[in-house]
Amino acid sequence: MAGGAGHIYDMISRMRNNNNLLNKSGYFKMKEAYRKISKKENLVYRKASTKELLKIRGKVIEQRRNDTIKMILVACISVIVSAALLSLAAHGIMRYFM
């Protein structure tokens, strides 16, 4: 009877909210003002020395190594937990049929 009523209500409320945004002229004025300001700004980037680049490279390599170790640990733990759950399930099924 009421299948999908929640989805329909959600769709109606989203359309209403989008229309409310369109009716607010300040929203678009704010976006245009941001665009004008961002075009005027000339960002100056300083060059990094080779010493700084090597330091950054070392940090990135160390972080990648730590992330790899964490991923391997998570994979090992998930394999162990999965094996334990499967063995418990198999043991329970065997007890049920005996």
PDB file of N, CA and C in Angstrom:
ATOM      1  N   MET A   1       0.821  -1.190   0.000  1.00  0.00           N
ATOM      2  CA  MET A   1       0.000   0.000   0.000  1.00  0.00           C
ATOM      3  C   MET A   1       0.867   1.257   0.000  1.00  0.00           C
ATOM      4  N   ALA A   2       1.710   1.389   1.025  1.00  0.00           N
ATOM      5  CA  ALA A   2       2.491   2.610   1.149  1.00  0.00           C
ATOM      6  C   ALA A   2       3.937   2.365   0.739  1.00  0.00           C
ATOM      7  N   GLY A   3       4.163   1.432  -0.156  1.00  0.00           N
ATOM      8  CA  GLY A   3       5.519   1.124  -0.581  1.00  0.00           C
ATOM      9  C   GLY A   3       6.157   2.284  -1.311  1.00  0.00           C
ATOM     10  N   GLY A   4       7.273   2.739  -0.830  1.00  0.00           N
ATOM     11  CA  GLY A   4       7.992   3.826  -1.479  1.00  0.00           C
ATOM     12  C   GLY A   4       7.546   5.212  -1.065  1.00  0.00           C
ATOM     13  N   ALA A   5       6.657   5.310  -0.096  1.00  0.00           N
ATOM     14  CA  ALA A   5       6.165   6.627   0.310  1.00  0.00           C
ATOM     15  C   ALA A   5       7.292   7.471   0.903  1.00  0.00           C
ATOM     16  N   GLY A   6       8.181   6.834   1.637  1.00  0.00           N
ATOM     17  CA  GLY A   6       9.307   7.564   2.219  1.00  0.00           C
ATOM     18  C   GLY A   6      10.231   8.111   1.145  1.00  0.00           C
ATOM     19  N   HIS A   7      10.450   7.307   0.095  1.00  0.00           N
ATOM     20  CA  HIS A   7      11.314   7.754  -0.991  1.00  0.00           C
ATOM     21  C   HIS A   7      10.677   8.911  -1.754  1.00  0.00           C
ATOM     22  N   ILE A   8       9.385   8.830  -1.951  1.00  0.00           N
ATOM     23  CA  ILE A   8       8.688   9.898  -2.670  1.00  0.00           C
ATOM     24  C   ILE A   8       8.726  11.186  -1.854  1.00  0.00           C
ATOM     25  N   TYR A   9       8.506  11.069  -0.547  1.00  0.00           N
ATOM     26  CA  TYR A   9       8.559  12.253   0.314  1.00  0.00           C
ATOM     27  C   TYR A   9       9.954  12.868   0.288  1.00  0.00           C
ATOM     28  N   ASP A  10      10.984  12.016   0.302  1.00  0.00           N
ATOM     29  CA  ASP A  10      12.360  12.498   0.251  1.00  0.00           C
ATOM     30  C   ASP A  10      12.615  13.232  -1.061  1.00  0.00           C
ATOM     31  N   MET A  11      12.118  12.680  -2.170  1.00  0.00           N
ATOM     32  CA  MET A  11      12.291  13.320  -3.468  1.00  0.00           C
ATOM     33  C   MET A  11      11.609  14.691  -3.498  1.00  0.00           C
ATOM     34  N   ILE A  12      10.408  14.755  -2.961  1.00  0.00           N
ATOM     35  CA  ILE A  12       9.673  16.020  -2.944  1.00  0.00           C
ATOM     36  C   ILE A  12      10.410  17.053  -2.102  1.00  0.00           C
ATOM     37  N   SER A  13      10.920  16.637  -0.947  1.00  0.00           N
ATOM     38  CA  SER A  13      11.617  17.590  -0.079  1.00  0.00           C
ATOM     39  C   SER A  13      12.923  18.062  -0.719  1.00  0.00           C
ATOM     40  N   ARG A  14      13.629  17.185  -1.435  1.00  0.00           N
ATOM     41  CA  ARG A  14      14.854  17.604  -2.122  1.00  0.00           C
ATOM     42  C   ARG A  14      14.544  18.613  -3.222  1.00  0.00           C
ATOM     43  N   MET A  15      13.478  18.354  -3.975  1.00  0.00           N
ATOM     44  CA  MET A  15      13.101  19.300  -5.031  1.00  0.00           C
ATOM     45  C   MET A  15      12.718  20.648  -4.434  1.00  0.00           C
ATOM     46  N   ARG A  16      12.011  20.623  -3.312  1.00  0.00           N
ATOM     47  CA  ARG A  16      11.615  21.865  -2.653  1.00  0.00           C
ATOM     48  C   ARG A  16      12.854  22.632  -2.181  1.00  0.00           C
ATOM     49  N   ASN A  17      13.802  21.915  -1.588  1.00  0.00           N
ATOM     50  CA  ASN A  17      15.022  22.575  -1.113  1.00  0.00           C
ATOM     51  C   ASN A  17      15.839  23.147  -2.272  1.00  0.00           C
ATOM     52  N   ASN A  18      15.910  22.417  -3.386  1.00  0.00           N
ATOM     53  CA  ASN A  18      16.639  22.928  -4.549  1.00  0.00           C
ATOM     54  C   ASN A  18      15.968  24.171  -5.113  1.00  0.00           C
ATOM     55  N   ASN A  19      14.648  24.163  -5.163  1.00  0.00           N
ATOM     56  CA  ASN A  19      13.936  25.345  -5.642  1.00  0.00           C
ATOM     57  C   ASN A  19      14.154  26.526  -4.705  1.00  0.00           C
ATOM     58  N   ASN A  20      14.204  26.264  -3.413  1.00  0.00           N
ATOM     59  CA  ASN A  20      14.465  27.341  -2.459  1.00  0.00           C
ATOM     60  C   ASN A  20      15.854  27.939  -2.673  1.00  0.00           C
ATOM     61  N   LEU A  21      16.832  27.088  -3.014  1.00  0.00           N
ATOM     62  CA  LEU A  21      18.167  27.603  -3.304  1.00  0.00           C
ATOM     63  C   LEU A  21      18.162  28.457  -4.564  1.00  0.00           C
ATOM     64  N   LEU A  22      17.402  28.028  -5.571  1.00  0.00           N
ATOM     65  CA  LEU A  22      17.341  28.798  -6.812  1.00  0.00           C
ATOM     66  C   LEU A  22      16.701  30.158  -6.591  1.00  0.00           C
ATOM     67  N   ASN A  23      15.752  30.225  -5.684  1.00  0.00           N
ATOM     68  CA  ASN A  23      15.058  31.480  -5.438  1.00  0.00           C
ATOM     69  C   ASN A  23      15.907  32.472  -4.653  1.00  0.00           C
ATOM     70  N   LYS A  24      16.942  32.003  -3.990  1.00  0.00           N
ATOM     71  CA  LYS A  24      17.805  32.892  -3.218  1.00  0.00           C
ATOM     72  C   LYS A  24      18.837  33.501  -4.156  1.00  0.00           C
ATOM     73  N   SER A  25      18.691  34.771  -4.450  1.00  0.00           N
ATOM     74  CA  SER A  25      19.639  35.412  -5.368  1.00  0.00           C
ATOM     75  C   SER A  25      20.993  35.614  -4.697  1.00  0.00           C
ATOM     76  N   GLY A  26      21.015  35.710  -3.392  1.00  0.00           N
ATOM     77  CA  GLY A  26      22.268  35.906  -2.671  1.00  0.00           C
ATOM     78  C   GLY A  26      23.219  34.741  -2.834  1.00  0.00           C
ATOM     79  N   TYR A  27      22.677  33.554  -3.029  1.00  0.00           N
ATOM     80  CA  TYR A  27      23.512  32.368  -3.198  1.00  0.00           C
ATOM     81  C   TYR A  27      24.375  32.514  -4.444  1.00  0.00           C
ATOM     82  N   PHE A  28      23.759  32.940  -5.542  1.00  0.00           N
ATOM     83  CA  PHE A  28      24.512  33.092  -6.780  1.00  0.00           C
ATOM     84  C   PHE A  28      25.427  34.308  -6.736  1.00  0.00           C
ATOM     85  N   LYS A  29      25.014  35.368  -6.062  1.00  0.00           N
ATOM     86  CA  LYS A  29      25.875  36.539  -5.933  1.00  0.00           C
ATOM     87  C   LYS A  29      27.140  36.184  -5.164  1.00  0.00           C
ATOM     88  N   MET A  30      26.979  35.348  -4.153  1.00  0.00           N
ATOM     89  CA  MET A  30      28.118  34.938  -3.351  1.00  0.00           C
ATOM     90  C   MET A  30      29.091  34.114  -4.204  1.00  0.00           C
ATOM     91  N   LYS A  31      28.555  33.225  -5.048  1.00  0.00           N
ATOM     92  CA  LYS A  31      29.418  32.425  -5.912  1.00  0.00           C
ATOM     93  C   LYS A  31      30.171  33.306  -6.901  1.00  0.00           C
ATOM     94  N   GLU A  32      29.484  34.280  -7.479  1.00  0.00           N
ATOM     95  CA  GLU A  32      30.127  35.181  -8.438  1.00  0.00           C
ATOM     96  C   GLU A  32      31.204  36.021  -7.755  1.00  0.00           C
ATOM     97  N   ALA A  33      30.932  36.486  -6.547  1.00  0.00           N
ATOM     98  CA  ALA A  33      31.922  37.277  -5.817  1.00  0.00           C
ATOM     99  C   ALA A  33      33.164  36.437  -5.536  1.00  0.00           C
ATOM    100  N   TYR A  34      32.976  35.180  -5.188  1.00  0.00           N
ATOM    101  CA  TYR A  34      34.111  34.298  -4.929  1.00  0.00           C
ATOM    102  C   TYR A  34      34.925  34.092  -6.203  1.00  0.00           C
ATOM    103  N   ARG A  35      34.238  33.915  -7.316  1.00  0.00           N
ATOM    104  CA  ARG A  35      34.951  33.721  -8.582  1.00  0.00           C
ATOM    105  C   ARG A  35      35.790  34.944  -8.935  1.00  0.00           C
ATOM    106  N   LYS A  36      35.239  36.129  -8.731  1.00  0.00           N
ATOM    107  CA  LYS A  36      35.980  37.348  -9.054  1.00  0.00           C
ATOM    108  C   LYS A  36      37.211  37.488  -8.167  1.00  0.00           C
ATOM    109  N   ILE A  37      37.049  37.208  -6.891  1.00  0.00           N
ATOM    110  CA  ILE A  37      38.169  37.335  -5.958  1.00  0.00           C
ATOM    111  C   ILE A  37      39.239  36.299  -6.267  1.00  0.00           C
ATOM    112  N   SER A  38      38.821  35.069  -6.550  1.00  0.00           N
ATOM    113  CA  SER A  38      39.801  34.015  -6.783  1.00  0.00           C
ATOM    114  C   SER A  38      40.582  34.246  -8.071  1.00  0.00           C
ATOM    115  N   LYS A  39      39.986  34.912  -9.056  1.00  0.00           N
ATOM    116  CA  LYS A  39      40.716  35.207 -10.288  1.00  0.00           C
ATOM    117  C   LYS A  39      41.744  36.310 -10.073  1.00  0.00           C
ATOM    118  N   LYS A  40      41.467  37.224  -9.166  1.00  0.00           N
ATOM    119  CA  LYS A  40      42.372  38.343  -8.934  1.00  0.00           C
ATOM    120  C   LYS A  40      43.610  37.932  -8.148  1.00  0.00           C
ATOM    121  N   GLU A  41      43.469  36.921  -7.329  1.00  0.00           N
ATOM    122  CA  GLU A  41      44.594  36.520  -6.486  1.00  0.00           C
ATOM    123  C   GLU A  41      45.659  35.829  -7.324  1.00  0.00           C
ATOM    124  N   ASN A  42      46.858  36.303  -7.205  1.00  0.00           N
ATOM    125  CA  ASN A  42      47.993  35.648  -7.847  1.00  0.00           C
ATOM    126  C   ASN A  42      48.808  34.992  -6.749  1.00  0.00           C
ATOM    127  N   LEU A  43      48.737  33.709  -6.671  1.00  0.00           N
ATOM    128  CA  LEU A  43      49.457  33.001  -5.629  1.00  0.00           C
ATOM    129  C   LEU A  43      50.905  32.798  -6.057  1.00  0.00           C
ATOM    130  N   VAL A  44      51.793  33.060  -5.136  1.00  0.00           N
ATOM    131  CA  VAL A  44      53.213  32.905  -5.407  1.00  0.00           C
ATOM    132  C   VAL A  44      53.698  31.704  -4.613  1.00  0.00           C
ATOM    133  N   TYR A  45      54.206  30.729  -5.320  1.00  0.00           N
ATOM    134  CA  TYR A  45      54.726  29.534  -4.672  1.00  0.00           C
ATOM    135  C   TYR A  45      56.238  29.637  -4.617  1.00  0.00           C
ATOM    136  N   ARG A  46      56.800  29.335  -3.467  1.00  0.00           N
ATOM    137  CA  ARG A  46      58.247  29.381  -3.364  1.00  0.00           C
ATOM    138  C   ARG A  46      58.809  28.014  -3.746  1.00  0.00           C
ATOM    139  N   LYS A  47      59.996  28.016  -4.235  1.00  0.00           N
ATOM    140  CA  LYS A  47      60.661  26.787  -4.659  1.00  0.00           C
ATOM    141  C   LYS A  47      61.265  26.103  -3.439  1.00  0.00           C
ATOM    142  N   ALA A  48      61.131  24.791  -3.405  1.00  0.00           N
ATOM    143  CA  ALA A  48      61.705  24.021  -2.306  1.00  0.00           C
ATOM    144  C   ALA A  48      63.135  23.638  -2.671  1.00  0.00           C
ATOM    145  N   SER A  49      63.989  23.672  -1.667  1.00  0.00           N
ATOM    146  CA  SER A  49      65.378  23.288  -1.909  1.00  0.00           C
ATOM    147  C   SER A  49      65.466  21.768  -1.993  1.00  0.00           C
ATOM    148  N   THR A  50      66.583  21.287  -2.479  1.00  0.00           N
ATOM    149  CA  THR A  50      66.753  19.838  -2.611  1.00  0.00           C
ATOM    150  C   THR A  50      66.743  19.168  -1.244  1.00  0.00           C
ATOM    151  N   LYS A  51      67.259  19.859  -0.239  1.00  0.00           N
ATOM    152  CA  LYS A  51      67.266  19.307   1.120  1.00  0.00           C
ATOM    153  C   LYS A  51      65.833  19.129   1.623  1.00  0.00           C
ATOM    154  N   GLU A  52      64.993  20.143   1.385  1.00  0.00           N
ATOM    155  CA  GLU A  52      63.588  20.050   1.801  1.00  0.00           C
ATOM    156  C   GLU A  52      62.852  18.971   1.014  1.00  0.00           C
ATOM    157  N   LEU A  53      63.147  18.861  -0.275  1.00  0.00           N
ATOM    158  CA  LEU A  53      62.505  17.833  -1.092  1.00  0.00           C
ATOM    159  C   LEU A  53      62.874  16.434  -0.612  1.00  0.00           C
ATOM    160  N   LEU A  54      64.130  16.239  -0.240  1.00  0.00           N
ATOM    161  CA  LEU A  54      64.556  14.939   0.279  1.00  0.00           C
ATOM    162  C   LEU A  54      63.873  14.627   1.611  1.00  0.00           C
ATOM    163  N   LYS A  55      63.709  15.651   2.440  1.00  0.00           N
ATOM    164  CA  LYS A  55      63.033  15.464   3.724  1.00  0.00           C
ATOM    165  C   LYS A  55      61.574  15.066   3.501  1.00  0.00           C
ATOM    166  N   ILE A  56      60.900  15.754   2.577  1.00  0.00           N
ATOM    167  CA  ILE A  56      59.502  15.438   2.262  1.00  0.00           C
ATOM    168  C   ILE A  56      59.399  14.034   1.682  1.00  0.00           C
ATOM    169  N   ARG A  57      60.348  13.690   0.800  1.00  0.00           N
ATOM    170  CA  ARG A  57      60.344  12.358   0.191  1.00  0.00           C
ATOM    171  C   ARG A  57      60.497  11.277   1.257  1.00  0.00           C
ATOM    172  N   GLY A  58      61.381  11.507   2.215  1.00  0.00           N
ATOM    173  CA  GLY A  58      61.566  10.546   3.301  1.00  0.00           C
ATOM    174  C   GLY A  58      60.298  10.369   4.124  1.00  0.00           C
ATOM    175  N   LYS A  59      59.599  11.479   4.393  1.00  0.00           N
ATOM    176  CA  LYS A  59      58.346  11.397   5.151  1.00  0.00           C
ATOM    177  C   LYS A  59      57.289  10.614   4.385  1.00  0.00           C
ATOM    178  N   VAL A  60      57.208  10.857   3.076  1.00  0.00           N
ATOM    179  CA  VAL A  60      56.216  10.156   2.257  1.00  0.00           C
ATOM    180  C   VAL A  60      56.513   8.662   2.215  1.00  0.00           C
ATOM    181  N   ILE A  61      57.780   8.306   2.064  1.00  0.00           N
ATOM    182  CA  ILE A  61      58.159   6.893   2.030  1.00  0.00           C
ATOM    183  C   ILE A  61      57.846   6.228   3.363  1.00  0.00           C
ATOM    184  N   GLU A  62      58.142   6.902   4.463  1.00  0.00           N
ATOM    185  CA  GLU A  62      57.864   6.351   5.794  1.00  0.00           C
ATOM    186  C   GLU A  62      56.365   6.175   6.010  1.00  0.00           C
ATOM    187  N   GLN A  63      55.582   7.154   5.578  1.00  0.00           N
ATOM    188  CA  GLN A  63      54.128   7.057   5.731  1.00  0.00           C
ATOM    189  C   GLN A  63      53.571   5.915   4.885  1.00  0.00           C
ATOM    190  N   ARG A  64      54.069   5.765   3.666  1.00  0.00           N
ATOM    191  CA  ARG A  64      53.616   4.672   2.811  1.00  0.00           C
ATOM    192  C   ARG A  64      53.965   3.318   3.432  1.00  0.00           C
ATOM    193  N   ARG A  65      55.152   3.226   4.029  1.00  0.00           N
ATOM    194  CA  ARG A  65      55.581   1.986   4.687  1.00  0.00           C
ATOM    195  C   ARG A  65      54.656   1.662   5.861  1.00  0.00           C
ATOM    196  N   ASN A  66      54.335   2.679   6.672  1.00  0.00           N
ATOM    197  CA  ASN A  66      53.440   2.464   7.808  1.00  0.00           C
ATOM    198  C   ASN A  66      52.049   2.049   7.345  1.00  0.00           C
ATOM    199  N   ASP A  67      51.557   2.672   6.273  1.00  0.00           N
ATOM    200  CA  ASP A  67      50.240   2.307   5.748  1.00  0.00           C
ATOM    201  C   ASP A  67      50.224   0.874   5.239  1.00  0.00           C
ATOM    202  N   THR A  68      51.308   0.457   4.581  1.00  0.00           N
ATOM    203  CA  THR A  68      51.395  -0.912   4.076  1.00  0.00           C
ATOM    204  C   THR A  68      51.397  -1.909   5.225  1.00  0.00           C
ATOM    205  N   ILE A  69      52.140  -1.612   6.277  1.00  0.00           N
ATOM    206  CA  ILE A  69      52.182  -2.502   7.442  1.00  0.00           C
ATOM    207  C   ILE A  69      50.801  -2.613   8.075  1.00  0.00           C
ATOM    208  N   LYS A  70      50.102  -1.489   8.197  1.00  0.00           N
ATOM    209  CA  LYS A  70      48.756  -1.518   8.774  1.00  0.00           C
ATOM    210  C   LYS A  70      47.811  -2.349   7.926  1.00  0.00           C
ATOM    211  N   MET A  71      47.900  -2.211   6.601  1.00  0.00           N
ATOM    212  CA  MET A  71      47.028  -2.979   5.713  1.00  0.00           C
ATOM    213  C   MET A  71      47.301  -4.477   5.841  1.00  0.00           C
ATOM    214  N   ILE A  72      48.573  -4.853   5.942  1.00  0.00           N
ATOM    215  CA  ILE A  72      48.926  -6.264   6.086  1.00  0.00           C
ATOM    216  C   ILE A  72      48.408  -6.799   7.411  1.00  0.00           C
ATOM    217  N   LEU A  73      48.536  -6.025   8.487  1.00  0.00           N
ATOM    218  CA  LEU A  73      48.028  -6.459   9.790  1.00  0.00           C
ATOM    219  C   LEU A  73      46.516  -6.642   9.765  1.00  0.00           C
ATOM    220  N   VAL A  74      45.810  -5.716   9.153  1.00  0.00           N
ATOM    221  CA  VAL A  74      44.352  -5.825   9.066  1.00  0.00           C
ATOM    222  C   VAL A  74      43.964  -7.053   8.258  1.00  0.00           C
ATOM    223  N   ALA A  75      44.677  -7.319   7.166  1.00  0.00           N
ATOM    224  CA  ALA A  75      44.376  -8.490   6.343  1.00  0.00           C
ATOM    225  C   ALA A  75      44.621  -9.776   7.128  1.00  0.00           C
ATOM    226  N   CYS A  76      45.731  -9.838   7.866  1.00  0.00           N
ATOM    227  CA  CYS A  76      46.034 -11.044   8.656  1.00  0.00           C
ATOM    228  C   CYS A  76      44.987 -11.265   9.741  1.00  0.00           C
ATOM    229  N   ILE A  77      44.625 -10.213  10.432  1.00  0.00           N
ATOM    230  CA  ILE A  77      43.627 -10.342  11.496  1.00  0.00           C
ATOM    231  C   ILE A  77      42.287 -10.772  10.922  1.00  0.00           C
ATOM    232  N   SER A  78      41.903 -10.218   9.774  1.00  0.00           N
ATOM    233  CA  SER A  78      40.617 -10.600   9.185  1.00  0.00           C
ATOM    234  C   SER A  78      40.629 -12.047   8.722  1.00  0.00           C
ATOM    235  N   VAL A  79      41.766 -12.532   8.211  1.00  0.00           N
ATOM    236  CA  VAL A  79      41.862 -13.941   7.807  1.00  0.00           C
ATOM    237  C   VAL A  79      41.744 -14.838   9.029  1.00  0.00           C
ATOM    238  N   ILE A  80      42.397 -14.482  10.116  1.00  0.00           N
ATOM    239  CA  ILE A  80      42.337 -15.296  11.335  1.00  0.00           C
ATOM    240  C   ILE A  80      40.920 -15.330  11.891  1.00  0.00           C
ATOM    241  N   VAL A  81      40.267 -14.182  11.956  1.00  0.00           N
ATOM    242  CA  VAL A  81      38.898 -14.127  12.475  1.00  0.00           C
ATOM    243  C   VAL A  81      37.952 -14.904  11.569  1.00  0.00           C
ATOM    244  N   SER A  82      38.122 -14.779  10.260  1.00  0.00           N
ATOM    245  CA  SER A  82      37.261 -15.513   9.327  1.00  0.00           C
ATOM    246  C   SER A  82      37.452 -17.012   9.477  1.00  0.00           C
ATOM    247  N   ALA A  83      38.694 -17.450   9.617  1.00  0.00           N
ATOM    248  CA  ALA A  83      38.960 -18.877   9.792  1.00  0.00           C
ATOM    249  C   ALA A  83      38.348 -19.383  11.092  1.00  0.00           C
ATOM    250  N   ALA A  84      38.444 -18.599  12.146  1.00  0.00           N
ATOM    251  CA  ALA A  84      37.859 -19.009  13.422  1.00  0.00           C
ATOM    252  C   ALA A  84      36.344 -19.113  13.314  1.00  0.00           C
ATOM    253  N   LEU A  85      35.717 -18.155  12.682  1.00  0.00           N
ATOM    254  CA  LEU A  85      34.258 -18.201  12.525  1.00  0.00           C
ATOM    255  C   LEU A  85      33.823 -19.370  11.656  1.00  0.00           C
ATOM    256  N   LEU A  86      34.567 -19.646  10.593  1.00  0.00           N
ATOM    257  CA  LEU A  86      34.227 -20.781   9.737  1.00  0.00           C
ATOM    258  C   LEU A  86      34.380 -22.101  10.482  1.00  0.00           C
ATOM    259  N   SER A  87      35.430 -22.221  11.287  1.00  0.00           N
ATOM    260  CA  SER A  87      35.616 -23.468  12.030  1.00  0.00           C
ATOM    261  C   SER A  87      34.519 -23.642  13.073  1.00  0.00           C
ATOM    262  N   LEU A  88      34.103 -22.557  13.720  1.00  0.00           N
ATOM    263  CA  LEU A  88      33.001 -22.648  14.677  1.00  0.00           C
ATOM    264  C   LEU A  88      31.697 -23.024  13.980  1.00  0.00           C
ATOM    265  N   ALA A  89      31.469 -22.448  12.812  1.00  0.00           N
ATOM    266  CA  ALA A  89      30.253 -22.772  12.066  1.00  0.00           C
ATOM    267  C   ALA A  89      30.278 -24.223  11.615  1.00  0.00           C
ATOM    268  N   ALA A  90      31.415 -24.699  11.130  1.00  0.00           N
ATOM    269  CA  ALA A  90      31.523 -26.092  10.690  1.00  0.00           C
ATOM    270  C   ALA A  90      31.333 -27.033  11.869  1.00  0.00           C
ATOM    271  N   HIS A  91      31.903 -26.683  13.007  1.00  0.00           N
ATOM    272  CA  HIS A  91      31.749 -27.524  14.199  1.00  0.00           C
ATOM    273  C   HIS A  91      30.283 -27.573  14.629  1.00  0.00           C
ATOM    274  N   GLY A  92      29.599 -26.454  14.573  1.00  0.00           N
ATOM    275  CA  GLY A  92      28.186 -26.415  14.937  1.00  0.00           C
ATOM    276  C   GLY A  92      27.329 -27.224  13.986  1.00  0.00           C
ATOM    277  N   ILE A  93      27.639 -27.167  12.705  1.00  0.00           N
ATOM    278  CA  ILE A  93      26.874 -27.947  11.718  1.00  0.00           C
ATOM    279  C   ILE A  93      27.116 -29.427  11.926  1.00  0.00           C
ATOM    280  N   MET A  94      28.359 -29.806  12.215  1.00  0.00           N
ATOM    281  CA  MET A  94      28.666 -31.223  12.443  1.00  0.00           C
ATOM    282  C   MET A  94      27.947 -31.730  13.687  1.00  0.00           C
ATOM    283  N   ARG A  95      27.870 -30.929  14.731  1.00  0.00           N
ATOM    284  CA  ARG A  95      27.165 -31.341  15.949  1.00  0.00           C
ATOM    285  C   ARG A  95      25.669 -31.472  15.684  1.00  0.00           C
ATOM    286  N   TYR A  96      25.145 -30.628  14.821  1.00  0.00           N
ATOM    287  CA  TYR A  96      23.716 -30.653  14.526  1.00  0.00           C
ATOM    288  C   TYR A  96      23.334 -31.941  13.805  1.00  0.00           C
ATOM    289  N   PHE A  97      24.166 -32.401  12.881  1.00  0.00           N
ATOM    290  CA  PHE A  97      23.833 -33.589  12.106  1.00  0.00           C
ATOM    291  C   PHE A  97      24.188 -34.884  12.816  1.00  0.00           C
ATOM    292  N   MET A  98      24.960 -34.841  13.879  1.00  0.00           N
ATOM    293  CA  MET A  98      25.314 -36.076  14.584  1.00  0.00           C
ATOM    294  C   MET A  98      24.353 -36.401  15.664  1.00  0.00           C
TER     295      MET A  98
END
